[in-house]
Protein backbone atom coordinates (compact mmCIF):
# COMPACT_ATOMS: atom_id res chain seq x y z
CA MET A 1 -6.92 -255.00 -170.14
CA ALA A 2 -3.34 -254.64 -171.40
CA ASP A 3 -0.50 -253.29 -169.32
CA VAL A 4 1.28 -252.20 -172.43
CA ILE A 5 0.38 -251.79 -176.04
CA LEU A 6 3.06 -252.14 -178.65
CA ILE A 7 2.35 -250.48 -181.97
CA CYS A 8 3.77 -251.16 -185.33
CA PRO A 9 3.07 -248.13 -187.58
CA PRO A 10 1.65 -248.69 -191.11
CA TYR A 11 4.93 -248.91 -192.93
CA SER A 12 3.33 -250.77 -195.88
CA ARG A 13 1.66 -247.52 -196.77
CA ILE A 14 4.18 -244.95 -195.53
CA ILE A 15 7.29 -246.68 -196.92
CA TYR A 16 6.08 -248.60 -199.89
CA GLY A 17 3.47 -246.10 -201.01
CA LYS A 18 5.55 -245.12 -204.03
CA ALA A 19 7.12 -248.37 -204.68
CA LYS A 20 7.11 -249.51 -208.35
CA ILE A 21 5.69 -252.98 -207.68
CA LYS A 22 2.73 -252.61 -205.25
CA VAL A 23 2.04 -256.27 -205.50
CA GLY A 24 5.33 -257.10 -203.96
CA VAL A 25 4.92 -254.99 -200.75
CA PRO A 26 5.66 -257.41 -197.83
CA ILE A 27 3.63 -257.21 -194.61
CA ASN A 28 5.22 -259.45 -191.96
CA PRO A 29 4.90 -259.76 -188.24
CA LEU A 30 7.50 -257.47 -186.75
CA LEU A 31 10.31 -259.17 -184.71
CA ASN A 32 11.19 -256.20 -182.55
CA LEU A 33 7.74 -256.03 -180.94
CA ALA A 34 7.65 -259.78 -180.37
CA LEU A 35 11.07 -259.46 -178.62
CA LEU A 36 9.78 -256.57 -176.41
CA ALA A 37 6.59 -258.39 -175.39
CA SER A 38 8.37 -261.48 -174.16
CA PRO A 39 10.04 -260.39 -171.00
CA PRO A 40 6.75 -258.72 -169.59
CA ILE A 41 4.88 -261.95 -170.35
CA LYS A 42 7.31 -264.03 -168.22
CA ALA A 43 6.90 -261.41 -165.55
CA ASP A 44 3.11 -261.91 -165.57
CA PHE A 45 2.31 -258.71 -167.28
CA LYS A 46 -0.05 -258.46 -170.24
CA PRO A 47 1.32 -256.84 -173.39
CA LYS A 48 -0.68 -256.59 -176.73
CA ILE A 49 0.66 -255.89 -180.15
CA LEU A 50 -1.23 -253.66 -182.72
CA ASP A 51 -0.07 -254.07 -186.29
CA LEU A 52 -1.53 -251.17 -188.01
CA ASN A 53 -0.56 -252.43 -191.46
CA LEU A 54 -3.55 -254.85 -191.14
CA ILE A 55 -6.03 -252.11 -190.47
CA ASP A 56 -7.64 -249.70 -193.02
CA ASP A 57 -8.85 -247.08 -190.57
CA CYS A 58 -5.86 -246.92 -188.23
CA ASP A 59 -6.91 -243.80 -186.29
CA SER A 60 -10.32 -245.14 -185.22
CA PHE A 61 -9.02 -248.58 -184.58
CA LEU A 62 -6.27 -247.15 -182.26
CA ARG A 63 -8.75 -244.93 -180.46
CA GLN A 64 -10.93 -247.80 -179.74
CA GLU A 65 -8.04 -249.98 -178.57
CA ILE A 66 -6.80 -247.36 -176.08
CA LEU A 67 -10.40 -247.05 -174.70
CA ASN A 68 -10.82 -250.68 -174.33
CA GLU A 69 -7.44 -251.70 -172.93
CA LYS A 70 -6.59 -248.72 -170.91
CA PRO A 71 -2.85 -249.41 -170.95
CA LYS A 72 -0.31 -247.83 -168.57
CA PHE A 73 2.23 -247.63 -171.57
CA ALA A 74 2.12 -247.55 -175.36
CA GLY A 75 5.34 -248.35 -177.30
CA PHE A 76 6.41 -247.48 -180.78
CA THR A 77 9.50 -248.71 -182.74
CA PHE A 78 10.28 -246.88 -185.87
CA THR A 79 12.98 -246.01 -188.46
CA THR A 80 13.48 -242.47 -189.69
CA PRO A 81 10.81 -242.23 -192.40
CA LEU A 82 8.17 -243.60 -189.92
CA PHE A 83 8.90 -240.93 -187.17
CA GLN A 84 6.29 -238.45 -188.24
CA GLU A 85 3.49 -241.09 -188.65
CA SER A 86 4.38 -242.57 -185.25
CA THR A 87 4.24 -239.14 -183.75
CA ARG A 88 0.84 -238.43 -185.21
CA LEU A 89 -0.50 -241.74 -183.83
CA ALA A 90 1.07 -240.94 -180.38
CA ARG A 91 -0.89 -237.64 -180.31
CA ILE A 92 -4.06 -239.59 -180.89
CA ILE A 93 -3.34 -241.74 -177.86
CA LYS A 94 -2.72 -238.72 -175.73
CA GLU A 95 -5.97 -237.20 -176.86
CA ILE A 96 -7.82 -240.35 -175.70
CA ASP A 97 -5.93 -240.74 -172.47
CA ALA A 98 -3.33 -238.31 -171.29
CA ASN A 99 -2.11 -240.65 -168.67
CA VAL A 100 -0.67 -243.21 -171.01
CA LYS A 101 3.02 -242.96 -171.08
CA LEU A 102 4.41 -243.06 -174.63
CA ILE A 103 7.68 -244.89 -175.34
CA ALA A 104 9.70 -244.54 -178.47
CA GLY A 105 12.57 -246.90 -179.61
CA GLY A 106 14.47 -247.78 -182.61
CA PRO A 107 17.37 -246.36 -184.47
CA HIS A 108 15.88 -242.89 -185.12
CA ALA A 109 14.78 -242.46 -181.56
CA THR A 110 18.27 -243.62 -180.19
CA THR A 111 19.89 -240.99 -182.50
CA PHE A 112 17.65 -238.02 -181.47
CA PRO A 113 16.34 -238.86 -177.94
CA GLU A 114 16.29 -235.21 -176.62
CA GLU A 115 15.06 -233.67 -179.85
CA ILE A 116 12.10 -236.17 -179.86
CA LEU A 117 11.24 -235.58 -176.29
CA GLU A 118 11.18 -231.82 -176.89
CA ASN A 119 9.12 -231.81 -179.93
CA SER A 120 6.66 -234.65 -179.68
CA PRO A 121 4.22 -236.30 -177.14
CA PHE A 122 6.60 -239.01 -176.42
CA ASP A 123 7.48 -239.34 -172.68
CA ILE A 124 10.21 -241.94 -172.74
CA ILE A 125 12.99 -242.86 -175.21
CA ALA A 126 14.53 -246.31 -175.14
CA ILE A 127 18.16 -246.21 -176.15
CA GLY A 128 19.82 -248.86 -178.07
CA GLU A 129 19.05 -252.51 -177.37
CA SER A 130 15.91 -252.46 -175.21
CA ASP A 131 14.87 -256.05 -174.79
CA PHE A 132 13.95 -255.63 -171.10
CA VAL A 133 12.97 -251.89 -171.01
CA ILE A 134 9.27 -252.55 -171.15
CA LYS A 135 9.38 -255.17 -168.30
CA ASP A 136 11.56 -252.79 -166.21
CA LEU A 137 9.18 -249.87 -166.65
CA LEU A 138 6.37 -251.99 -165.57
CA GLU A 139 8.24 -253.25 -162.45
CA LEU A 140 10.61 -250.46 -161.39
CA PRO A 141 10.54 -246.67 -160.60
CA ILE A 142 11.37 -244.85 -163.91
CA GLU A 143 14.59 -243.52 -162.19
CA ASP A 144 15.87 -246.96 -161.83
CA VAL A 145 15.27 -248.14 -165.44
CA GLN A 146 18.56 -248.29 -167.28
CA GLY A 147 18.89 -247.29 -170.94
CA ILE A 148 16.16 -244.54 -171.14
CA VAL A 149 15.85 -240.88 -171.55
CA PHE A 150 12.59 -239.37 -170.15
CA LYS A 151 10.82 -236.07 -169.19
CA LYS A 152 10.42 -235.14 -165.62
CA ASP A 153 9.00 -231.84 -164.27
CA GLY A 154 9.80 -230.21 -167.60
CA ALA A 155 13.38 -231.34 -167.63
CA ILE A 156 15.09 -234.16 -169.67
CA VAL A 157 16.63 -236.90 -167.67
CA ARG A 158 19.10 -239.34 -169.07
CA ASN A 159 19.40 -242.62 -166.96
CA GLU A 160 22.48 -244.88 -166.73
CA LYS A 161 23.20 -246.77 -169.98
CA HIS A 162 22.48 -250.47 -170.05
CA LYS A 163 25.10 -252.98 -171.28
CA ARG A 164 24.53 -254.81 -174.50
CA ILE A 165 23.77 -258.43 -174.06
CA ASP A 166 26.79 -260.60 -174.79
CA ASN A 167 25.10 -263.97 -174.40
CA LEU A 168 22.14 -263.81 -176.82
CA ASP A 169 21.17 -267.37 -175.76
CA THR A 170 19.89 -265.84 -172.57
CA LEU A 171 17.11 -263.93 -174.52
CA PRO A 172 13.61 -265.41 -174.33
CA PHE A 173 11.96 -266.58 -177.56
CA PRO A 174 9.85 -263.78 -179.16
CA ALA A 175 6.23 -263.73 -178.25
CA TRP A 176 5.00 -264.64 -181.67
CA ASN A 177 1.71 -265.85 -180.20
CA LEU A 178 0.57 -262.18 -179.89
CA TYR A 179 0.26 -262.07 -183.57
CA ASP A 180 -2.55 -263.69 -185.63
CA LEU A 181 -0.43 -265.29 -188.34
CA SER A 182 -3.49 -266.15 -190.41
CA LYS A 183 -3.79 -262.49 -191.34
CA TYR A 184 -0.38 -262.27 -192.98
CA ASN A 185 -0.10 -263.38 -196.73
CA THR A 186 3.18 -262.17 -198.08
CA PRO A 187 3.52 -261.81 -201.86
CA SER A 188 5.41 -264.43 -203.73
CA LEU A 189 7.76 -261.77 -205.06
CA SER A 190 9.25 -261.48 -201.50
CA ASN A 191 8.98 -265.08 -200.39
CA ILE A 192 8.06 -268.65 -201.67
CA ALA A 193 6.08 -269.62 -198.58
CA SER A 194 3.86 -267.48 -196.42
CA PRO A 195 3.91 -266.25 -193.77
CA PRO A 196 7.58 -265.82 -193.32
CA GLY A 197 9.10 -265.01 -189.93
CA TYR A 198 12.11 -262.87 -189.08
CA LEU A 199 14.92 -264.54 -187.18
CA GLU A 200 17.98 -262.78 -185.59
CA THR A 201 20.87 -265.24 -185.07
CA SER A 202 23.55 -262.46 -184.09
CA ARG A 203 23.87 -258.87 -183.31
CA GLY A 204 26.50 -256.22 -184.23
CA CYS A 205 28.76 -255.62 -187.18
CA PRO A 206 32.54 -255.18 -186.87
CA TRP A 207 32.75 -253.34 -190.16
CA ASN A 208 32.34 -249.46 -190.53
CA CYS A 209 30.42 -248.67 -193.69
CA VAL A 210 29.67 -244.86 -193.89
CA PHE A 211 25.95 -245.41 -194.77
CA CYS A 212 25.22 -247.67 -191.67
CA ASN A 213 23.73 -246.62 -188.29
CA LYS A 214 25.51 -248.69 -185.55
CA ASN A 215 23.58 -246.96 -182.70
CA ILE A 216 21.61 -249.99 -181.80
CA HIS A 217 23.68 -253.13 -181.96
CA GLY A 218 27.16 -251.60 -182.17
CA PHE A 219 30.33 -253.04 -183.66
CA LYS A 220 30.87 -256.10 -181.59
CA PHE A 221 29.70 -259.20 -183.23
CA ARG A 222 27.70 -261.33 -180.79
CA MET A 223 26.16 -264.67 -181.63
CA LYS A 224 23.53 -267.11 -180.65
CA THR A 225 24.85 -270.65 -180.62
CA PRO A 226 23.83 -272.98 -183.58
CA GLU A 227 21.81 -275.09 -181.13
CA ARG A 228 19.83 -272.09 -179.98
CA VAL A 229 19.33 -270.81 -183.40
CA VAL A 230 17.82 -274.06 -184.60
CA ASP A 231 15.69 -274.41 -181.39
CA GLU A 232 14.21 -271.02 -182.27
CA ILE A 233 13.58 -272.18 -185.88
CA GLU A 234 11.59 -275.13 -184.64
CA TYR A 235 9.74 -272.81 -182.22
CA MET A 236 8.86 -270.54 -185.15
CA LEU A 237 7.70 -273.35 -187.40
CA LYS A 238 5.48 -274.72 -184.71
CA ALA A 239 4.11 -271.18 -184.23
CA GLY A 240 2.88 -271.21 -187.79
CA PHE A 241 5.69 -269.59 -189.87
CA LYS A 242 6.25 -271.36 -193.29
CA GLU A 243 9.57 -269.62 -194.13
CA ILE A 244 12.49 -268.01 -192.17
CA ASN A 245 14.10 -264.77 -193.08
CA LEU A 246 17.36 -264.11 -191.28
CA ILE A 247 17.76 -260.41 -190.52
CA ASP A 248 21.25 -260.34 -189.10
CA ASP A 249 23.60 -257.48 -190.33
CA THR A 250 26.26 -260.00 -190.99
CA PHE A 251 25.02 -263.70 -190.60
CA ASN A 252 28.29 -265.11 -191.91
CA ALA A 253 30.73 -262.85 -190.06
CA ASP A 254 31.81 -266.19 -188.38
CA ILE A 255 31.77 -268.48 -191.19
CA VAL A 256 32.34 -271.59 -189.03
CA ARG A 257 29.24 -270.77 -186.95
CA ALA A 258 27.14 -270.23 -190.11
CA LYS A 259 28.17 -273.69 -191.42
CA LEU A 260 27.39 -275.20 -187.96
CA ILE A 261 23.84 -273.69 -188.01
CA CYS A 262 23.25 -275.20 -191.43
CA GLU A 263 24.62 -278.64 -190.40
CA GLU A 264 22.30 -278.64 -187.31
CA ILE A 265 19.26 -277.88 -189.49
CA ILE A 266 20.33 -280.87 -191.68
CA ARG A 267 21.01 -283.05 -188.67
CA ARG A 268 17.55 -282.45 -187.29
CA GLU A 269 16.01 -283.02 -190.70
CA ILE A 270 13.91 -279.91 -190.52
CA LYS A 271 12.46 -279.06 -193.94
CA PHE A 272 11.63 -275.34 -194.68
CA PRO A 273 12.68 -272.59 -197.02
CA TRP A 274 14.96 -269.65 -195.68
CA HIS A 275 17.22 -266.83 -196.91
CA PRO A 276 19.44 -264.24 -195.40
CA ASN A 277 17.18 -261.21 -195.85
CA ASN A 278 19.76 -258.43 -195.36
CA GLY A 279 22.52 -260.06 -197.43
CA ILE A 280 25.78 -261.70 -196.46
CA ARG A 281 29.44 -260.57 -196.66
CA VAL A 282 31.30 -261.70 -199.88
CA ASP A 283 34.63 -261.99 -198.03
CA ARG A 284 33.28 -264.62 -195.56
CA VAL A 285 32.20 -267.36 -197.90
CA ASP A 286 33.36 -270.52 -199.59
CA ARG A 287 31.66 -273.26 -201.67
CA GLU A 288 31.12 -275.43 -198.68
CA LEU A 289 29.02 -272.70 -196.94
CA PHE A 290 26.82 -272.25 -200.04
CA SER A 291 26.44 -276.06 -200.28
CA LEU A 292 25.35 -276.31 -196.68
CA MET A 293 23.05 -273.41 -197.04
CA LYS A 294 21.40 -275.00 -199.95
CA LYS A 295 20.99 -278.36 -198.32
CA SER A 296 19.49 -276.86 -195.29
CA GLY A 297 16.82 -275.09 -197.28
CA CYS A 298 18.24 -271.74 -198.43
CA TYR A 299 17.02 -270.97 -201.79
CA THR A 300 18.32 -267.47 -202.49
CA VAL A 301 21.27 -265.62 -201.36
CA SER A 302 21.60 -261.85 -201.10
CA PHE A 303 24.87 -259.85 -201.29
CA GLY A 304 25.60 -256.34 -200.20
CA LEU A 305 27.70 -255.52 -203.18
CA GLU A 306 27.04 -251.70 -203.12
CA SER A 307 29.31 -250.70 -206.11
CA GLY A 308 31.14 -251.98 -209.04
CA ASN A 309 34.08 -249.62 -208.57
CA GLN A 310 36.85 -250.38 -206.15
CA THR A 311 37.61 -246.70 -205.26
CA ILE A 312 33.89 -246.15 -204.23
CA LEU A 313 33.92 -249.37 -202.10
CA ASP A 314 37.10 -248.00 -200.36
CA ASN A 315 35.43 -244.59 -199.88
CA ILE A 316 32.57 -246.16 -197.98
CA ASN A 317 34.69 -248.49 -195.83
CA LYS A 318 33.02 -251.57 -197.25
CA GLY A 319 36.11 -253.66 -196.67
CA ILE A 320 35.77 -255.95 -199.68
CA LYS A 321 37.29 -256.42 -203.21
CA LEU A 322 35.50 -256.70 -206.44
CA GLU A 323 37.24 -259.93 -207.01
CA GLN A 324 35.61 -261.23 -203.72
CA SER A 325 32.12 -260.24 -204.96
CA GLU A 326 32.70 -262.02 -208.25
CA GLN A 327 33.94 -265.15 -206.55
CA ALA A 328 31.02 -265.25 -204.03
CA VAL A 329 28.39 -264.96 -206.62
CA ARG A 330 30.09 -267.50 -208.84
CA LEU A 331 30.27 -269.99 -205.96
CA ALA A 332 26.63 -269.51 -205.10
CA ARG A 333 25.54 -270.00 -208.69
CA LEU A 334 27.60 -273.12 -208.88
CA GLU A 335 25.47 -274.64 -206.03
CA GLY A 336 22.41 -273.73 -207.89
CA MET A 337 21.30 -270.84 -205.67
CA GLU A 338 19.36 -267.79 -206.90
CA THR A 339 21.51 -264.77 -206.44
CA PHE A 340 20.41 -261.31 -205.38
CA GLY A 341 22.66 -258.10 -205.33
CA PHE A 342 22.03 -254.88 -203.50
CA PHE A 343 23.66 -251.77 -205.16
CA MET A 344 23.80 -248.13 -204.23
CA LEU A 345 24.12 -245.15 -206.75
CA GLY A 346 25.37 -241.75 -205.57
CA LEU A 347 27.83 -242.83 -202.83
CA PRO A 348 30.62 -240.40 -201.71
CA GLY A 349 32.96 -239.69 -204.45
CA GLU A 350 30.62 -241.17 -207.23
CA THR A 351 30.99 -240.04 -210.87
CA GLU A 352 29.16 -240.85 -214.04
CA LYS A 353 32.06 -243.39 -214.75
CA THR A 354 31.76 -245.08 -211.41
CA MET A 355 27.98 -245.46 -211.71
CA GLN A 356 28.47 -247.01 -215.10
CA ASP A 357 31.04 -249.37 -213.58
CA THR A 358 28.43 -250.59 -211.14
CA ILE A 359 25.84 -251.09 -213.91
CA ASN A 360 28.46 -253.01 -215.89
CA PHE A 361 29.49 -255.04 -212.81
CA ALA A 362 25.89 -256.03 -212.06
CA LYS A 363 25.37 -257.39 -215.50
CA ARG A 364 28.79 -259.17 -215.56
CA LEU A 365 27.95 -261.09 -212.41
CA ARG A 366 24.95 -262.59 -214.01
CA LEU A 367 22.73 -262.02 -210.95
CA ASP A 368 19.26 -263.29 -210.91
CA VAL A 369 18.01 -260.10 -209.33
CA ALA A 370 19.68 -256.64 -208.74
CA LYS A 371 18.25 -253.94 -206.48
CA PHE A 372 19.51 -250.39 -207.30
CA ASN A 373 18.90 -247.59 -204.86
CA ILE A 374 19.91 -243.98 -204.95
CA THR A 375 21.76 -243.46 -201.62
CA ILE A 376 19.98 -241.84 -198.72
CA PRO A 377 22.08 -240.41 -195.97
CA LEU A 378 20.21 -241.58 -192.93
CA PRO A 379 20.61 -239.96 -189.45
CA GLY A 380 23.23 -241.61 -187.23
CA THR A 381 25.59 -242.45 -190.15
CA LYS A 382 28.97 -241.02 -191.02
CA MET A 383 27.60 -240.08 -194.34
CA PHE A 384 24.75 -237.92 -192.87
CA ARG A 385 27.22 -236.12 -190.48
CA GLU A 386 29.60 -235.30 -193.16
CA TRP A 387 26.94 -234.06 -195.70
CA GLU A 388 25.18 -232.18 -193.06
CA ALA A 389 28.48 -230.42 -192.20
CA THR A 390 29.12 -229.41 -195.80
CA GLY A 391 25.57 -228.05 -196.21
CA ASN A 392 24.34 -230.78 -198.58
CA ILE A 393 21.38 -231.91 -196.39
CA LYS A 394 18.42 -229.79 -197.37
CA THR A 395 15.70 -231.03 -194.98
CA LYS A 396 15.02 -232.65 -191.63
CA ASP A 397 11.58 -233.58 -192.62
CA TRP A 398 12.12 -237.27 -191.82
CA SER A 399 9.10 -238.50 -193.76
CA LYS A 400 11.14 -237.76 -196.91
CA TYR A 401 14.00 -240.12 -195.93
CA ASN A 402 12.45 -242.95 -197.88
CA TYR A 403 14.14 -244.92 -200.70
CA TYR A 404 10.82 -244.94 -202.54
CA SER A 405 10.36 -241.09 -202.38
CA PRO A 406 12.28 -238.45 -204.45
CA TYR A 407 15.64 -238.08 -203.02
CA GLU A 408 15.97 -234.55 -204.41
CA ASP A 409 14.01 -233.13 -201.47
CA ILE A 410 16.49 -234.52 -199.11
CA TYR A 411 20.02 -233.51 -200.25
CA ASP A 412 22.16 -232.09 -202.99
CA HIS A 413 24.88 -234.66 -203.87
CA PRO A 414 28.38 -233.19 -203.49
CA THR A 415 29.60 -234.30 -206.93
CA LEU A 416 26.52 -235.04 -209.11
CA SER A 417 23.46 -233.21 -210.36
CA HIS A 418 19.99 -234.60 -209.73
CA ASP A 419 19.53 -235.14 -213.44
CA ILE A 420 22.60 -237.28 -213.73
CA LEU A 421 21.68 -239.36 -210.67
CA ASN A 422 18.18 -239.92 -212.01
CA LYS A 423 19.57 -240.80 -215.45
CA TYR A 424 21.91 -243.53 -214.07
CA TYR A 425 19.15 -244.84 -211.77
CA ARG A 426 16.89 -245.38 -214.67
CA LYS A 427 19.59 -246.72 -216.85
CA ALA A 428 20.69 -249.28 -214.23
CA PHE A 429 17.21 -250.90 -214.02
CA LEU A 430 16.64 -250.77 -217.89
CA SER A 431 20.06 -252.00 -218.67
CA PHE A 432 19.95 -254.83 -216.25
CA TYR A 433 16.45 -256.13 -216.54
CA PHE A 434 16.27 -255.77 -220.43
CA SER A 435 19.46 -257.62 -220.92
CA PRO A 436 18.69 -260.54 -223.30
CA SER A 437 20.86 -262.93 -221.28
CA LEU A 438 18.91 -262.05 -218.10
CA LEU A 439 15.48 -262.31 -219.78
CA LEU A 440 16.60 -265.81 -220.95
CA ARG A 441 17.69 -266.80 -217.57
CA ARG A 442 14.65 -265.62 -215.84
CA LEU A 443 12.45 -267.42 -218.51
CA VAL A 444 14.21 -270.68 -217.97
CA GLY A 445 14.41 -270.25 -214.16
CA GLY A 446 10.68 -269.41 -214.09
CA ILE A 447 9.72 -272.55 -216.08
CA LYS A 448 11.82 -274.64 -213.61
CA ARG A 449 10.45 -272.97 -210.45
CA LYS A 450 6.86 -272.89 -211.85
CA THR A 451 6.67 -269.18 -211.33
CA ILE A 452 6.77 -268.07 -214.94
CA LEU A 453 3.13 -266.68 -215.05
CA ARG A 454 3.97 -264.71 -211.91
CA ASP A 455 7.11 -263.36 -213.25
CA ILE A 456 5.45 -262.22 -216.48
CA LYS A 457 2.59 -260.48 -214.57
CA LEU A 458 5.11 -258.63 -212.32
CA PHE A 459 7.22 -257.66 -215.24
CA PHE A 460 4.31 -255.85 -216.94
CA GLN A 461 3.17 -254.29 -213.72
CA THR A 462 6.36 -252.63 -213.11
CA ASN A 463 6.75 -249.00 -214.06
CA TRP A 464 10.19 -249.28 -215.52
CA LEU A 465 10.57 -245.68 -216.74
CA SER A 466 9.34 -243.77 -213.72
């Protein structure tokens, strides 16, 4: 029997259910749960991970697991759009065994701990970084566990905060052995080797973008040493991962350390593909960095570019200049790397002209891939607080806070109509992906990479006009 069951809600259906390219939906082992499971294992407890993305009938499967395992605790980690599904699953657990204590963690739970305790079956909220909370709950009286909020005798109790971990090298390796990696087959649209594993080499981000929630890792940039990072890479490859996705907020905030990581991979002669999944800063790069990334196995580099208008970049506190974005993409392309740009439409202060500037900028950069999203003001961000104060937020049905769902149900933009936003969203995709120069580059690149048949298939499976 398991002491604790850690549950990954079926994000592949909830989040990506309305995505344009269904064949590109990634289902990967979740790092957060592997991190939470590791300290209990070292303390001789037995955790179990349930990834409901792999299960067709989640409800029946979950009921049977609770009956079989009889856990003391069941833990969920979720983002905003997964809150309601996690709550529904939590109710199922309580129906089966009311004695199971339910734990919620992640950015949404950290933002609204009291609200969740008052309006859901969850008993305990883990606040912020919660690496050792599960182990502590198994070992200590609940009153002595730092970093939690919980219900007791009808009242809500907030325990002492725990300090964020400064020395990330002291963290145990994630318990990847609790996943059956043979069940994961990630589409080639997302990665070139499967299964890919998520790796965190740092925490925290010193910048202050208005659309970002800093409640978990905060502003202070904390790093694993290059040696620890590459030790963990070797551990992941031995566990069965074929590719590594870095999920740092700002992998290259310290460019010297980023280079040292690449050099250590090269020194150890480890051969594997990798890429920075969440993008890197354009103001912390040089050609040497891209050269080392390429030599160490990085095949594509993503950039958080956000906008092609300097005023908008300043409005969102991005802290970069358009010239830095242009230089970063140019240097990456010179090293033969595939380039990927993230853009947001409908940011604070946006106009038709600034959105057109973004479209033009994306095309001018000659990116291989551009991802355009209509901005969603997520709870815990400065943007959400400001738009809530001005009455622009229309709903707190958190299931709607999904980049693949109609944003019109969430908010009214302060300066743009829904029709205008949707017009430029469609225009961005059509203008970028039907550009003759891009089509030619993708054709040539697809032939070189031997992915041309896949690229053609995905092109025609995409609903470009929806």
